[in-house]
Amino acid sequence: MLFTIEDEKEKNEKVSIIMKKNKLLLEMITDILNLSRIETNSLGVIYTTINLKNLFKNMVDSYKLKERETSVHVVLDRLPLTSIR
């Protein structure tokens, strides 16, 4: 399909979409494998500190890819830091 596209900008957009979809597919496969490990008690728990802002931003970014294909719109509303306790 990419070989038939002559416009470089369009071709680059398609390649970018393919790369993002590949990444999402790999993440889904990893999640499925992790679920399988949890079910067989083969996966341990590691407690660590995470940056919630980055975690939610990454989640929203991954869903934004799907917005083009569906009517779902994802929004991340942030609360002021003082309201979180």
Protein backbone atom coordinates (compact mmCIF):
# COMPACT_ATOMS: atom_id res chain seq x y z
CA MET A 1 0.00 0.00 0.00
CA LEU A 2 2.78 2.45 0.87
CA PHE A 3 4.41 1.84 -2.49
CA THR A 4 1.37 3.23 -4.29
CA ILE A 5 1.37 6.53 -2.35
CA GLU A 6 3.35 9.22 -4.12
CA ASP A 7 2.85 12.12 -1.72
CA GLU A 8 5.71 11.99 0.83
CA LYS A 9 3.73 13.78 3.53
CA GLU A 10 0.87 11.29 3.26
CA LYS A 11 3.34 8.40 3.18
CA ASN A 12 5.06 9.67 6.34
CA GLU A 13 1.71 10.02 8.11
CA LYS A 14 0.80 6.44 7.20
CA VAL A 15 4.17 5.16 8.42
CA SER A 16 3.74 7.08 11.67
CA ILE A 17 0.29 5.56 12.20
CA ILE A 18 1.64 2.07 11.47
CA MET A 19 4.48 2.53 13.95
CA LYS A 20 2.10 3.74 16.67
CA LYS A 21 -0.28 0.85 16.03
CA ASN A 22 2.64 -1.58 16.23
CA LYS A 23 3.61 -0.13 19.59
CA LEU A 24 0.04 -0.43 20.88
CA LEU A 25 -0.16 -4.03 19.66
CA LEU A 26 3.08 -4.88 21.46
CA GLU A 27 1.72 -3.29 24.65
CA MET A 28 -1.48 -5.33 24.35
CA ILE A 29 0.50 -8.55 23.89
CA THR A 30 2.61 -7.69 26.92
CA ASP A 31 -0.53 -7.02 28.96
CA ILE A 32 -2.01 -10.37 27.92
CA LEU A 33 1.20 -12.16 28.88
CA ASN A 34 1.24 -10.37 32.23
CA LEU A 35 -2.39 -11.34 32.88
CA SER A 36 -1.48 -14.93 32.15
CA ARG A 37 1.42 -14.71 34.61
CA ILE A 38 -0.86 -13.25 37.26
CA GLU A 39 -3.39 -16.06 36.78
CA THR A 40 -0.67 -18.69 37.19
CA ASN A 41 0.91 -16.86 40.16
CA SER A 42 4.12 -16.48 38.14
CA LEU A 43 4.26 -12.70 38.38
CA GLY A 44 5.57 -10.95 41.47
CA VAL A 45 4.67 -7.46 42.61
CA ILE A 46 7.29 -4.74 42.66
CA TYR A 47 6.44 -1.55 44.55
CA THR A 48 7.88 1.56 42.98
CA THR A 49 7.33 5.29 42.71
CA ILE A 50 5.65 6.46 39.52
CA ASN A 51 4.88 9.80 37.95
CA LEU A 52 1.07 9.80 37.68
CA LYS A 53 1.06 12.82 35.40
CA ASN A 54 3.20 10.98 32.83
CA LEU A 55 1.24 7.76 33.27
CA PHE A 56 -2.09 9.44 32.54
CA LYS A 57 -0.62 11.48 29.69
CA ASN A 58 0.66 8.30 28.04
CA MET A 59 -2.72 6.65 28.50
CA VAL A 60 -4.53 9.61 26.94
CA ASP A 61 -2.02 9.75 24.07
CA SER A 62 -2.58 6.08 23.27
CA TYR A 63 -6.36 6.56 23.26
CA LYS A 64 -6.08 9.65 21.07
CA LEU A 65 -4.86 7.37 18.29
CA LYS A 66 -8.19 5.56 18.49
CA GLU A 67 -10.20 8.80 18.36
CA ARG A 68 -9.77 8.97 14.61
CA GLU A 69 -11.46 5.60 14.20
CA THR A 70 -14.30 5.98 16.72
CA SER A 71 -16.61 8.64 18.09
CA VAL A 72 -15.00 8.41 21.54
CA HIS A 73 -13.20 11.52 22.77
CA VAL A 74 -10.74 11.22 25.66
CA VAL A 75 -10.04 14.19 27.95
CA LEU A 76 -7.70 14.36 30.92
CA ASP A 77 -8.90 16.93 33.44
CA ARG A 78 -6.23 17.89 35.92
CA LEU A 79 -7.02 18.93 39.46
CA PRO A 80 -4.93 21.62 41.12
CA LEU A 81 -2.11 20.07 43.12
CA THR A 82 -3.51 21.53 46.36
CA SER A 83 -6.74 19.57 46.02
CA ILE A 84 -5.00 16.18 46.00
CA ARG A 85 -4.30 14.76 49.45
